[in-house]
PDB file of N, CA and C in Angstrom:
ATOM      1  N   MET A   1      -2.407 -12.859 -28.347  1.00  0.00           N
ATOM      2  CA  MET A   1      -1.947 -11.950 -27.318  1.00  0.00           C
ATOM      3  C   MET A   1      -2.863 -12.091 -26.111  1.00  0.00           C
ATOM      4  N   THR A   2      -2.303 -12.398 -24.970  1.00  0.00           N
ATOM      5  CA  THR A   2      -3.107 -12.563 -23.763  1.00  0.00           C
ATOM      6  C   THR A   2      -2.662 -11.564 -22.716  1.00  0.00           C
ATOM      7  N   SER A   3      -3.590 -11.227 -21.839  1.00  0.00           N
ATOM      8  CA  SER A   3      -3.273 -10.298 -20.767  1.00  0.00           C
ATOM      9  C   SER A   3      -2.759 -11.069 -19.551  1.00  0.00           C
ATOM     10  N   PHE A   4      -2.463 -10.363 -18.494  1.00  0.00           N
ATOM     11  CA  PHE A   4      -1.880 -10.956 -17.297  1.00  0.00           C
ATOM     12  C   PHE A   4      -2.787 -12.000 -16.669  1.00  0.00           C
ATOM     13  N   SER A   5      -4.110 -11.774 -16.659  1.00  0.00           N
ATOM     14  CA  SER A   5      -5.027 -12.691 -15.985  1.00  0.00           C
ATOM     15  C   SER A   5      -5.418 -13.879 -16.853  1.00  0.00           C
ATOM     16  N   GLY A   6      -4.900 -13.998 -18.037  1.00  0.00           N
ATOM     17  CA  GLY A   6      -5.192 -15.135 -18.886  1.00  0.00           C
ATOM     18  C   GLY A   6      -6.323 -14.888 -19.874  1.00  0.00           C
ATOM     19  N   PHE A   7      -6.978 -13.753 -19.801  1.00  0.00           N
ATOM     20  CA  PHE A   7      -8.037 -13.432 -20.742  1.00  0.00           C
ATOM     21  C   PHE A   7      -7.433 -12.782 -21.974  1.00  0.00           C
ATOM     22  N   GLY A   8      -8.005 -13.080 -23.097  1.00  0.00           N
ATOM     23  CA  GLY A   8      -7.535 -12.490 -24.333  1.00  0.00           C
ATOM     24  C   GLY A   8      -8.187 -11.155 -24.611  1.00  0.00           C
ATOM     25  N   LEU A   9      -7.779 -10.578 -25.700  1.00  0.00           N
ATOM     26  CA  LEU A   9      -8.328  -9.291 -26.106  1.00  0.00           C
ATOM     27  C   LEU A   9      -9.810  -9.415 -26.456  1.00  0.00           C
ATOM     28  N   LYS A  10     -10.205 -10.556 -27.039  1.00  0.00           N
ATOM     29  CA  LYS A  10     -11.614 -10.762 -27.381  1.00  0.00           C
ATOM     30  C   LYS A  10     -12.483 -10.809 -26.131  1.00  0.00           C
ATOM     31  N   ALA A  11     -12.010 -11.479 -25.102  1.00  0.00           N
ATOM     32  CA  ALA A  11     -12.786 -11.565 -23.857  1.00  0.00           C
ATOM     33  C   ALA A  11     -12.918 -10.196 -23.207  1.00  0.00           C
ATOM     34  N   ALA A  12     -11.860  -9.413 -23.236  1.00  0.00           N
ATOM     35  CA  ALA A  12     -11.925  -8.067 -22.659  1.00  0.00           C
ATOM     36  C   ALA A  12     -12.884  -7.183 -23.452  1.00  0.00           C
ATOM     37  N   ALA A  13     -12.854  -7.302 -24.777  1.00  0.00           N
ATOM     38  CA  ALA A  13     -13.768  -6.521 -25.616  1.00  0.00           C
ATOM     39  C   ALA A  13     -15.215  -6.938 -25.373  1.00  0.00           C
ATOM     40  N   LYS A  14     -15.447  -8.225 -25.184  1.00  0.00           N
ATOM     41  CA  LYS A  14     -16.804  -8.707 -24.909  1.00  0.00           C
ATOM     42  C   LYS A  14     -17.311  -8.149 -23.584  1.00  0.00           C
ATOM     43  N   GLN A  15     -16.478  -8.174 -22.560  1.00  0.00           N
ATOM     44  CA  GLN A  15     -16.877  -7.629 -21.260  1.00  0.00           C
ATOM     45  C   GLN A  15     -17.127  -6.124 -21.337  1.00  0.00           C
ATOM     46  N   ALA A  16     -16.293  -5.415 -22.084  1.00  0.00           N
ATOM     47  CA  ALA A  16     -16.484  -3.975 -22.251  1.00  0.00           C
ATOM     48  C   ALA A  16     -17.783  -3.681 -22.995  1.00  0.00           C
ATOM     49  N   LEU A  17     -18.109  -4.492 -23.993  1.00  0.00           N
ATOM     50  CA  LEU A  17     -19.342  -4.314 -24.749  1.00  0.00           C
ATOM     51  C   LEU A  17     -20.564  -4.550 -23.860  1.00  0.00           C
ATOM     52  N   ILE A  18     -20.521  -5.566 -23.020  1.00  0.00           N
ATOM     53  CA  ILE A  18     -21.629  -5.835 -22.097  1.00  0.00           C
ATOM     54  C   ILE A  18     -21.820  -4.654 -21.153  1.00  0.00           C
ATOM     55  N   TYR A  19     -20.738  -4.134 -20.641  1.00  0.00           N
ATOM     56  CA  TYR A  19     -20.816  -2.977 -19.749  1.00  0.00           C
ATOM     57  C   TYR A  19     -21.371  -1.757 -20.488  1.00  0.00           C
ATOM     58  N   ALA A  20     -20.916  -1.532 -21.701  1.00  0.00           N
ATOM     59  CA  ALA A  20     -21.369  -0.379 -22.486  1.00  0.00           C
ATOM     60  C   ALA A  20     -22.857  -0.490 -22.814  1.00  0.00           C
ATOM     61  N   ILE A  21     -23.335  -1.683 -23.123  1.00  0.00           N
ATOM     62  CA  ILE A  21     -24.758  -1.867 -23.411  1.00  0.00           C
ATOM     63  C   ILE A  21     -25.597  -1.511 -22.185  1.00  0.00           C
ATOM     64  N   GLY A  22     -25.140  -1.914 -21.000  1.00  0.00           N
ATOM     65  CA  GLY A  22     -25.847  -1.557 -19.777  1.00  0.00           C
ATOM     66  C   GLY A  22     -25.923  -0.055 -19.570  1.00  0.00           C
ATOM     67  N   VAL A  23     -24.824   0.637 -19.832  1.00  0.00           N
ATOM     68  CA  VAL A  23     -24.804   2.100 -19.687  1.00  0.00           C
ATOM     69  C   VAL A  23     -25.736   2.739 -20.712  1.00  0.00           C
ATOM     70  N   TRP A  24     -25.708   2.247 -21.943  1.00  0.00           N
ATOM     71  CA  TRP A  24     -26.563   2.811 -22.990  1.00  0.00           C
ATOM     72  C   TRP A  24     -28.043   2.604 -22.667  1.00  0.00           C
ATOM     73  N   VAL A  25     -28.399   1.425 -22.170  1.00  0.00           N
ATOM     74  CA  VAL A  25     -29.795   1.153 -21.814  1.00  0.00           C
ATOM     75  C   VAL A  25     -30.245   2.088 -20.696  1.00  0.00           C
ATOM     76  N   LEU A  26     -29.401   2.296 -19.722  1.00  0.00           N
ATOM     77  CA  LEU A  26     -29.728   3.187 -18.613  1.00  0.00           C
ATOM     78  C   LEU A  26     -29.940   4.622 -19.108  1.00  0.00           C
ATOM     79  N   ARG A  27     -29.057   5.092 -19.959  1.00  0.00           N
ATOM     80  CA  ARG A  27     -29.195   6.454 -20.494  1.00  0.00           C
ATOM     81  C   ARG A  27     -30.402   6.589 -21.402  1.00  0.00           C
ATOM     82  N   ALA A  28     -30.672   5.574 -22.216  1.00  0.00           N
ATOM     83  CA  ALA A  28     -31.833   5.625 -23.111  1.00  0.00           C
ATOM     84  C   ALA A  28     -33.127   5.619 -22.307  1.00  0.00           C
ATOM     85  N   SER A  29     -33.183   4.825 -21.249  1.00  0.00           N
ATOM     86  CA  SER A  29     -34.397   4.813 -20.432  1.00  0.00           C
ATOM     87  C   SER A  29     -34.600   6.161 -19.746  1.00  0.00           C
ATOM     88  N   GLY A  30     -33.541   6.793 -19.299  1.00  0.00           N
ATOM     89  CA  GLY A  30     -33.659   8.130 -18.724  1.00  0.00           C
ATOM     90  C   GLY A  30     -34.155   9.142 -19.733  1.00  0.00           C
ATOM     91  N   PHE A  31     -33.663   9.047 -20.958  1.00  0.00           N
ATOM     92  CA  PHE A  31     -34.100   9.963 -22.013  1.00  0.00           C
ATOM     93  C   PHE A  31     -35.569   9.740 -22.362  1.00  0.00           C
ATOM     94  N   LEU A  32     -35.989   8.481 -22.403  1.00  0.00           N
ATOM     95  CA  LEU A  32     -37.371   8.176 -22.751  1.00  0.00           C
ATOM     96  C   LEU A  32     -38.356   8.563 -21.638  1.00  0.00           C
ATOM     97  N   LEU A  33     -37.877   8.688 -20.417  1.00  0.00           N
ATOM     98  CA  LEU A  33     -38.743   9.075 -19.309  1.00  0.00           C
ATOM     99  C   LEU A  33     -38.905  10.589 -19.164  1.00  0.00           C
ATOM    100  N   VAL A  34     -38.175  11.372 -19.927  1.00  0.00           N
ATOM    101  CA  VAL A  34     -38.271  12.834 -19.838  1.00  0.00           C
ATOM    102  C   VAL A  34     -39.699  13.328 -20.075  1.00  0.00           C
ATOM    103  N   PRO A  35     -40.432  12.848 -21.099  1.00  0.00           N
ATOM    104  CA  PRO A  35     -41.819  13.313 -21.256  1.00  0.00           C
ATOM    105  C   PRO A  35     -42.698  12.994 -20.036  1.00  0.00           C
ATOM    106  N   LEU A  36     -42.494  11.854 -19.436  1.00  0.00           N
ATOM    107  CA  LEU A  36     -43.253  11.496 -18.243  1.00  0.00           C
ATOM    108  C   LEU A  36     -42.934  12.447 -17.095  1.00  0.00           C
ATOM    109  N   TYR A  37     -41.660  12.747 -16.927  1.00  0.00           N
ATOM    110  CA  TYR A  37     -41.268  13.674 -15.869  1.00  0.00           C
ATOM    111  C   TYR A  37     -41.875  15.054 -16.083  1.00  0.00           C
ATOM    112  N   THR A  38     -41.847  15.539 -17.314  1.00  0.00           N
ATOM    113  CA  THR A  38     -42.321  16.897 -17.574  1.00  0.00           C
ATOM    114  C   THR A  38     -43.840  17.007 -17.464  1.00  0.00           C
ATOM    115  N   ARG A  39     -44.560  15.929 -17.677  1.00  0.00           N
ATOM    116  CA  ARG A  39     -46.026  15.982 -17.577  1.00  0.00           C
ATOM    117  C   ARG A  39     -46.514  15.721 -16.159  1.00  0.00           C
ATOM    118  N   ARG A  40     -45.860  14.874 -15.428  1.00  0.00           N
ATOM    119  CA  ARG A  40     -46.353  14.448 -14.120  1.00  0.00           C
ATOM    120  C   ARG A  40     -45.780  15.239 -12.941  1.00  0.00           C
ATOM    121  N   ILE A  41     -44.613  15.820 -13.109  1.00  0.00           N
ATOM    122  CA  ILE A  41     -43.959  16.517 -12.005  1.00  0.00           C
ATOM    123  C   ILE A  41     -43.919  18.006 -12.316  1.00  0.00           C
ATOM    124  N   ASP A  42     -44.446  18.807 -11.393  1.00  0.00           N
ATOM    125  CA  ASP A  42     -44.403  20.254 -11.616  1.00  0.00           C
ATOM    126  C   ASP A  42     -42.985  20.777 -11.337  1.00  0.00           C
ATOM    127  N   PRO A  43     -42.632  21.939 -11.873  1.00  0.00           N
ATOM    128  CA  PRO A  43     -41.258  22.440 -11.755  1.00  0.00           C
ATOM    129  C   PRO A  43     -40.768  22.605 -10.316  1.00  0.00           C
ATOM    130  N   ALA A  44     -41.645  22.975  -9.399  1.00  0.00           N
ATOM    131  CA  ALA A  44     -41.205  23.152  -8.007  1.00  0.00           C
ATOM    132  C   ALA A  44     -40.759  21.824  -7.402  1.00  0.00           C
ATOM    133  N   HIS A  45     -41.530  20.759  -7.644  1.00  0.00           N
ATOM    134  CA  HIS A  45     -41.141  19.449  -7.116  1.00  0.00           C
ATOM    135  C   HIS A  45     -39.892  18.913  -7.804  1.00  0.00           C
ATOM    136  N   PHE A  46     -39.780  19.178  -9.094  1.00  0.00           N
ATOM    137  CA  PHE A  46     -38.588  18.721  -9.807  1.00  0.00           C
ATOM    138  C   PHE A  46     -37.338  19.437  -9.290  1.00  0.00           C
ATOM    139  N   GLY A  47     -37.477  20.718  -8.945  1.00  0.00           N
ATOM    140  CA  GLY A  47     -36.356  21.457  -8.367  1.00  0.00           C
ATOM    141  C   GLY A  47     -35.944  20.893  -7.016  1.00  0.00           C
ATOM    142  N   ILE A  48     -36.922  20.522  -6.189  1.00  0.00           N
ATOM    143  CA  ILE A  48     -36.608  19.904  -4.890  1.00  0.00           C
ATOM    144  C   ILE A  48     -35.906  18.568  -5.098  1.00  0.00           C
ATOM    145  N   TYR A  49     -36.397  17.786  -6.047  1.00  0.00           N
ATOM    146  CA  TYR A  49     -35.759  16.509  -6.348  1.00  0.00           C
ATOM    147  C   TYR A  49     -34.307  16.698  -6.787  1.00  0.00           C
ATOM    148  N   GLU A  50     -34.070  17.658  -7.652  1.00  0.00           N
ATOM    149  CA  GLU A  50     -32.703  17.914  -8.120  1.00  0.00           C
ATOM    150  C   GLU A  50     -31.803  18.403  -6.996  1.00  0.00           C
ATOM    151  N   LEU A  51     -32.348  19.242  -6.124  1.00  0.00           N
ATOM    152  CA  LEU A  51     -31.572  19.720  -4.982  1.00  0.00           C
ATOM    153  C   LEU A  51     -31.174  18.562  -4.071  1.00  0.00           C
ATOM    154  N   LEU A  52     -32.100  17.667  -3.781  1.00  0.00           N
ATOM    155  CA  LEU A  52     -31.783  16.491  -2.965  1.00  0.00           C
ATOM    156  C   LEU A  52     -30.799  15.563  -3.679  1.00  0.00           C
ATOM    157  N   SER A  53     -30.987  15.408  -4.966  1.00  0.00           N
ATOM    158  CA  SER A  53     -30.095  14.542  -5.735  1.00  0.00           C
ATOM    159  C   SER A  53     -28.659  15.070  -5.722  1.00  0.00           C
ATOM    160  N   ARG A  54     -28.478  16.357  -5.929  1.00  0.00           N
ATOM    161  CA  ARG A  54     -27.129  16.949  -5.913  1.00  0.00           C
ATOM    162  C   ARG A  54     -26.527  16.905  -4.519  1.00  0.00           C
ATOM    163  N   THR A  55     -27.356  17.083  -3.482  1.00  0.00           N
ATOM    164  CA  THR A  55     -26.853  16.992  -2.106  1.00  0.00           C
ATOM    165  C   THR A  55     -26.312  15.607  -1.835  1.00  0.00           C
ATOM    166  N   PHE A  56     -27.040  14.568  -2.242  1.00  0.00           N
ATOM    167  CA  PHE A  56     -26.558  13.207  -2.039  1.00  0.00           C
ATOM    168  C   PHE A  56     -25.323  12.914  -2.880  1.00  0.00           C
ATOM    169  N   ASP A  57     -25.226  13.495  -4.074  1.00  0.00           N
ATOM    170  CA  ASP A  57     -24.015  13.330  -4.881  1.00  0.00           C
ATOM    171  C   ASP A  57     -22.799  13.904  -4.163  1.00  0.00           C
ATOM    172  N   ILE A  58     -22.959  15.072  -3.561  1.00  0.00           N
ATOM    173  CA  ILE A  58     -21.850  15.684  -2.818  1.00  0.00           C
ATOM    174  C   ILE A  58     -21.495  14.840  -1.595  1.00  0.00           C
ATOM    175  N   LEU A  59     -22.512  14.333  -0.888  1.00  0.00           N
ATOM    176  CA  LEU A  59     -22.252  13.490   0.280  1.00  0.00           C
ATOM    177  C   LEU A  59     -21.520  12.204  -0.099  1.00  0.00           C
ATOM    178  N   CYS A  60     -21.822  11.679  -1.273  1.00  0.00           N
ATOM    179  CA  CYS A  60     -21.136  10.462  -1.719  1.00  0.00           C
ATOM    180  C   CYS A  60     -19.655  10.704  -2.003  1.00  0.00           C
ATOM    181  N   VAL A  61     -19.294  11.932  -2.260  1.00  0.00           N
ATOM    182  CA  VAL A  61     -17.884  12.270  -2.450  1.00  0.00           C
ATOM    183  C   VAL A  61     -17.212  12.527  -1.102  1.00  0.00           C
ATOM    184  N   VAL A  62     -17.932  13.192  -0.197  1.00  0.00           N
ATOM    185  CA  VAL A  62     -17.338  13.626   1.069  1.00  0.00           C
ATOM    186  C   VAL A  62     -17.276  12.507   2.107  1.00  0.00           C
ATOM    187  N   LEU A  63     -18.324  11.695   2.232  1.00  0.00           N
ATOM    188  CA  LEU A  63     -18.383  10.708   3.307  1.00  0.00           C
ATOM    189  C   LEU A  63     -17.276   9.655   3.261  1.00  0.00           C
ATOM    190  N   PRO A  64     -16.926   9.097   2.108  1.00  0.00           N
ATOM    191  CA  PRO A  64     -15.885   8.062   2.134  1.00  0.00           C
ATOM    192  C   PRO A  64     -14.464   8.609   2.289  1.00  0.00           C
ATOM    193  N   ALA A  65     -14.304   9.915   2.335  1.00  0.00           N
ATOM    194  CA  ALA A  65     -12.968  10.501   2.398  1.00  0.00           C
ATOM    195  C   ALA A  65     -12.243  10.053   3.663  1.00  0.00           C
ATOM    196  N   GLY A  66     -11.108   9.443   3.500  1.00  0.00           N
ATOM    197  CA  GLY A  66     -10.291   9.020   4.628  1.00  0.00           C
ATOM    198  C   GLY A  66     -10.742   7.736   5.283  1.00  0.00           C
ATOM    199  N   MET A  67     -11.721   7.046   4.724  1.00  0.00           N
ATOM    200  CA  MET A  67     -12.250   5.843   5.351  1.00  0.00           C
ATOM    201  C   MET A  67     -11.213   4.719   5.372  1.00  0.00           C
ATOM    202  N   GLY A  68     -10.462   4.561   4.313  1.00  0.00           N
ATOM    203  CA  GLY A  68      -9.450   3.506   4.278  1.00  0.00           C
ATOM    204  C   GLY A  68      -8.340   3.740   5.287  1.00  0.00           C
ATOM    205  N   ILE A  69      -7.891   4.975   5.404  1.00  0.00           N
ATOM    206  CA  ILE A  69      -6.837   5.304   6.365  1.00  0.00           C
ATOM    207  C   ILE A  69      -7.340   5.097   7.785  1.00  0.00           C
ATOM    208  N   ALA A  70      -8.573   5.522   8.056  1.00  0.00           N
ATOM    209  CA  ALA A  70      -9.139   5.345   9.393  1.00  0.00           C
ATOM    210  C   ALA A  70      -9.280   3.871   9.739  1.00  0.00           C
ATOM    211  N   LEU A  71      -9.681   3.067   8.764  1.00  0.00           N
ATOM    212  CA  LEU A  71      -9.828   1.640   9.013  1.00  0.00           C
ATOM    213  C   LEU A  71      -8.492   1.008   9.381  1.00  0.00           C
ATOM    214  N   MET A  72      -7.448   1.336   8.656  1.00  0.00           N
ATOM    215  CA  MET A  72      -6.141   0.759   8.946  1.00  0.00           C
ATOM    216  C   MET A  72      -5.625   1.223  10.304  1.00  0.00           C
ATOM    217  N   ARG A  73      -5.903   2.467  10.671  1.00  0.00           N
ATOM    218  CA  ARG A  73      -5.453   2.978  11.971  1.00  0.00           C
ATOM    219  C   ARG A  73      -6.137   2.225  13.105  1.00  0.00           C
ATOM    220  N   PHE A  74      -7.452   2.124  13.055  1.00  0.00           N
ATOM    221  CA  PHE A  74      -8.181   1.469  14.137  1.00  0.00           C
ATOM    222  C   PHE A  74      -7.997  -0.041  14.116  1.00  0.00           C
ATOM    223  N   TYR A  75      -7.709  -0.604  12.954  1.00  0.00           N
ATOM    224  CA  TYR A  75      -7.390  -2.025  12.884  1.00  0.00           C
ATOM    225  C   TYR A  75      -6.098  -2.294  13.647  1.00  0.00           C
ATOM    226  N   GLY A  76      -5.111  -1.425  13.460  1.00  0.00           N
ATOM    227  CA  GLY A  76      -3.852  -1.581  14.187  1.00  0.00           C
ATOM    228  C   GLY A  76      -4.033  -1.425  15.678  1.00  0.00           C
ATOM    229  N   LEU A  77      -4.870  -0.484  16.100  1.00  0.00           N
ATOM    230  CA  LEU A  77      -5.143  -0.306  17.528  1.00  0.00           C
ATOM    231  C   LEU A  77      -5.851  -1.527  18.111  1.00  0.00           C
ATOM    232  N   ALA A  78      -6.799  -2.086  17.379  1.00  0.00           N
ATOM    233  CA  ALA A  78      -7.510  -3.268  17.861  1.00  0.00           C
ATOM    234  C   ALA A  78      -6.567  -4.466  17.942  1.00  0.00           C
ATOM    235  N   GLU A  79      -5.648  -4.550  16.997  1.00  0.00           N
ATOM    236  CA  GLU A  79      -4.688  -5.653  17.004  1.00  0.00           C
ATOM    237  C   GLU A  79      -3.777  -5.561  18.219  1.00  0.00           C
ATOM    238  N   GLU A  80      -3.370  -4.339  18.590  1.00  0.00           N
ATOM    239  CA  GLU A  80      -2.536  -4.158  19.776  1.00  0.00           C
ATOM    240  C   GLU A  80      -3.302  -4.498  21.046  1.00  0.00           C
ATOM    241  N   GLN A  81      -4.570  -4.126  21.136  1.00  0.00           N
ATOM    242  CA  GLN A  81      -5.358  -4.362  22.340  1.00  0.00           C
ATOM    243  C   GLN A  81      -5.693  -5.833  22.539  1.00  0.00           C
ATOM    244  N   THR A  82      -5.844  -6.590  21.455  1.00  0.00           N
ATOM    245  CA  THR A  82      -6.204  -8.003  21.579  1.00  0.00           C
ATOM    246  C   THR A  82      -4.987  -8.904  21.566  1.00  0.00           C
ATOM    247  N   GLY A  83      -3.818  -8.346  21.515  1.00  0.00           N
ATOM    248  CA  GLY A  83      -2.602  -9.159  21.541  1.00  0.00           C
ATOM    249  C   GLY A  83      -2.318  -9.880  20.240  1.00  0.00           C
ATOM    250  N   GLY A  84      -2.661  -9.277  19.130  1.00  0.00           N
ATOM    251  CA  GLY A  84      -2.354  -9.859  17.825  1.00  0.00           C
ATOM    252  C   GLY A  84      -3.524 -10.561  17.184  1.00  0.00           C
ATOM    253  N   LEU A  85      -4.558 -10.869  17.949  1.00  0.00           N
ATOM    254  CA  LEU A  85      -5.740 -11.505  17.378  1.00  0.00           C
ATOM    255  C   LEU A  85      -6.763 -10.426  17.048  1.00  0.00           C
ATOM    256  N   SER A  86      -6.950 -10.205  15.783  1.00  0.00           N
ATOM    257  CA  SER A  86      -7.831  -9.133  15.336  1.00  0.00           C
ATOM    258  C   SER A  86      -9.200  -9.690  14.972  1.00  0.00           C
ATOM    259  N   PRO A  87     -10.275  -8.936  15.197  1.00  0.00           N
ATOM    260  CA  PRO A  87     -11.609  -9.434  14.880  1.00  0.00           C
ATOM    261  C   PRO A  87     -11.893  -9.574  13.389  1.00  0.00           C
ATOM    262  N   ALA A  88     -11.170  -8.851  12.548  1.00  0.00           N
ATOM    263  CA  ALA A  88     -11.409  -8.926  11.110  1.00  0.00           C
ATOM    264  C   ALA A  88     -10.099  -8.744  10.369  1.00  0.00           C
ATOM    265  N   ARG A  89     -10.037  -9.305   9.168  1.00  0.00           N
ATOM    266  CA  ARG A  89      -8.861  -9.102   8.340  1.00  0.00           C
ATOM    267  C   ARG A  89      -9.029  -7.813   7.556  1.00  0.00           C
ATOM    268  N   PRO A  90      -7.970  -7.017   7.416  1.00  0.00           N
ATOM    269  CA  PRO A  90      -8.121  -5.748   6.690  1.00  0.00           C
ATOM    270  C   PRO A  90      -8.476  -5.953   5.227  1.00  0.00           C
ATOM    271  N   SER A  91      -8.072  -7.072   4.641  1.00  0.00           N
ATOM    272  CA  SER A  91      -8.376  -7.276   3.228  1.00  0.00           C
ATOM    273  C   SER A  91      -9.867  -7.465   3.005  1.00  0.00           C
ATOM    274  N   SER A  92     -10.578  -8.024   3.970  1.00  0.00           N
ATOM    275  CA  SER A  92     -12.019  -8.187   3.809  1.00  0.00           C
ATOM    276  C   SER A  92     -12.778  -6.982   4.323  1.00  0.00           C
ATOM    277  N   ALA A  93     -12.231  -6.254   5.273  1.00  0.00           N
ATOM    278  CA  ALA A  93     -12.943  -5.118   5.852  1.00  0.00           C
ATOM    279  C   ALA A  93     -12.811  -3.858   5.002  1.00  0.00           C
ATOM    280  N   LEU A  94     -11.720  -3.699   4.294  1.00  0.00           N
ATOM    281  CA  LEU A  94     -11.505  -2.477   3.526  1.00  0.00           C
ATOM    282  C   LEU A  94     -12.539  -2.265   2.426  1.00  0.00           C
ATOM    283  N   PRO A  95     -12.833  -3.265   1.602  1.00  0.00           N
ATOM    284  CA  PRO A  95     -13.855  -3.012   0.588  1.00  0.00           C
ATOM    285  C   PRO A  95     -15.225  -2.713   1.197  1.00  0.00           C
ATOM    286  N   ALA A  96     -15.568  -3.343   2.300  1.00  0.00           N
ATOM    287  CA  ALA A  96     -16.862  -3.081   2.932  1.00  0.00           C
ATOM    288  C   ALA A  96     -16.913  -1.653   3.466  1.00  0.00           C
ATOM    289  N   SER A  97     -15.814  -1.175   4.016  1.00  0.00           N
ATOM    290  CA  SER A  97     -15.817   0.189   4.545  1.00  0.00           C
ATOM    291  C   SER A  97     -15.881   1.212   3.425  1.00  0.00           C
ATOM    292  N   ALA A  98     -15.315   0.880   2.288  1.00  0.00           N
ATOM    293  CA  ALA A  98     -15.350   1.815   1.168  1.00  0.00           C
ATOM    294  C   ALA A  98     -16.741   1.867   0.544  1.00  0.00           C
ATOM    295  N   ARG A  99     -17.497   0.755   0.623  1.00  0.00           N
ATOM    296  CA  ARG A  99     -18.828   0.726   0.034  1.00  0.00           C
ATOM    297  C   ARG A  99     -19.906   1.252   0.962  1.00  0.00           C
ATOM    298  N   SER A 100     -19.715   1.174   2.256  1.00  0.00           N
ATOM    299  CA  SER A 100     -20.801   1.499   3.180  1.00  0.00           C
ATOM    300  C   SER A 100     -21.321   2.930   3.046  1.00  0.00           C
ATOM    301  N   PRO A 101     -20.488   3.964   2.888  1.00  0.00           N
ATOM    302  CA  PRO A 101     -21.057   5.307   2.689  1.00  0.00           C
ATOM    303  C   PRO A 101     -21.818   5.412   1.382  1.00  0.00           C
ATOM    304  N   ARG A 102     -21.374   4.696   0.379  1.00  0.00           N
ATOM    305  CA  ARG A 102     -22.081   4.743  -0.902  1.00  0.00           C
ATOM    306  C   ARG A 102     -23.432   4.080  -0.806  1.00  0.00           C
ATOM    307  N   LEU A 103     -23.523   3.011  -0.014  1.00  0.00           N
ATOM    308  CA  LEU A 103     -24.802   2.342   0.126  1.00  0.00           C
ATOM    309  C   LEU A 103     -25.804   3.235   0.854  1.00  0.00           C
ATOM    310  N   CYS A 104     -25.348   3.958   1.854  1.00  0.00           N
ATOM    311  CA  CYS A 104     -26.293   4.814   2.578  1.00  0.00           C
ATOM    312  C   CYS A 104     -26.677   6.028   1.753  1.00  0.00           C
ATOM    313  N   CYS A 105     -25.832   6.457   0.838  1.00  0.00           N
ATOM    314  CA  CYS A 105     -26.150   7.614  -0.013  1.00  0.00           C
ATOM    315  C   CYS A 105     -26.930   7.214  -1.244  1.00  0.00           C
ATOM    316  N   GLY A 106     -26.908   5.961  -1.594  1.00  0.00           N
ATOM    317  CA  GLY A 106     -27.602   5.534  -2.802  1.00  0.00           C
ATOM    318  C   GLY A 106     -26.775   5.720  -4.049  1.00  0.00           C
ATOM    319  N   CYS A 107     -25.450   5.760  -3.926  1.00  0.00           N
ATOM    320  CA  CYS A 107     -24.581   5.966  -5.093  1.00  0.00           C
ATOM    321  C   CYS A 107     -24.271   4.644  -5.756  1.00  0.00           C
TER     322      CYS A 107
END
């Protein structure tokens, strides 16, 4: 049984396992660092860190909102102003615009 892209079920399971191992390692390292955090960081500083962390999490949700629609709108306007010759293709610009707010937020 093969999927649409030509990869079999075994290949998909292997890729999923690699991804899962990465997630597990990340979570295990976070768990193992808890004693270090509790000994080295006082509660007031840890609270400030958590407040900043949650603020950036919220910004990562809010900032990219509507970015794809805005890109397509201004791409069309630029295409009209240049007479059909656009400075960038939307297929290459869209993923970059979707990632840029995440890169500045650290998500």
